[in-house]
C-alpha cells in the first residue's frame, strides 16, 4: 500500500514537471513571437 501511494505521488510529480516544462516552452515561444512581432511593427 505504501509503495503504490509513493509511486502514485512520484508519477503525479513527474506529470506536473512535464506540464510546467510545456508551459515554460510555450512562454518562450510567445516571447520570441512577440519580439518578432514588435520588430515587424517597428521596421515594417
Protein backbone atom coordinates (compact mmCIF):
# COMPACT_ATOMS: atom_id res chain seq x y z
CA UNK A 1 0.00 0.00 0.00
CA UNK A 2 2.77 2.42 0.97
CA UNK A 3 4.72 1.63 -2.21
CA UNK A 4 1.78 2.24 -4.53
CA UNK A 5 0.99 5.54 -2.81
CA UNK A 6 4.63 6.60 -3.22
CA UNK A 7 4.61 5.53 -6.86
CA UNK A 8 1.39 7.46 -7.50
CA UNK A 9 2.84 10.56 -5.85
CA UNK A 10 6.02 10.23 -7.90
CA UNK A 11 4.09 9.85 -11.18
CA UNK A 12 1.98 12.86 -10.20
CA UNK A 13 5.12 14.97 -9.60
CA UNK A 14 6.59 13.88 -12.93
CA UNK A 15 3.37 14.85 -14.73
CA UNK A 16 3.38 18.25 -13.04
CA UNK A 17 7.02 18.76 -14.07
CA UNK A 18 6.25 17.85 -17.68
CA UNK A 19 3.25 20.20 -17.64
CA UNK A 20 5.36 23.04 -16.22
CA UNK A 21 8.08 22.44 -18.82
CA UNK A 22 5.45 22.62 -21.56
CA UNK A 23 4.15 25.91 -20.16
CA UNK A 24 7.70 27.32 -19.99
CA UNK A 25 8.34 26.28 -23.60
CA UNK A 26 5.09 27.95 -24.67
CA UNK A 27 6.03 31.14 -22.80
CA UNK A 28 9.43 31.15 -24.53
CA UNK A 29 7.74 30.69 -27.92
CA UNK A 30 5.37 33.55 -27.14
CA UNK A 31 8.28 35.79 -26.11
CA UNK A 32 10.11 35.03 -29.36
CA UNK A 33 6.92 35.66 -31.33
CA UNK A 34 6.32 38.95 -29.50
CA UNK A 35 9.88 40.12 -30.22
CA UNK A 36 9.43 39.19 -33.89
CA UNK A 37 6.04 40.92 -33.97
CA UNK A 38 7.43 44.11 -32.41
CA UNK A 39 10.32 44.16 -34.88
CA UNK A 40 7.94 43.85 -37.81
CA UNK A 41 5.78 46.65 -36.38
CA UNK A 42 8.80 48.93 -35.97
CA UNK A 43 10.54 48.13 -39.25
CA UNK A 44 7.56 47.09 -41.37
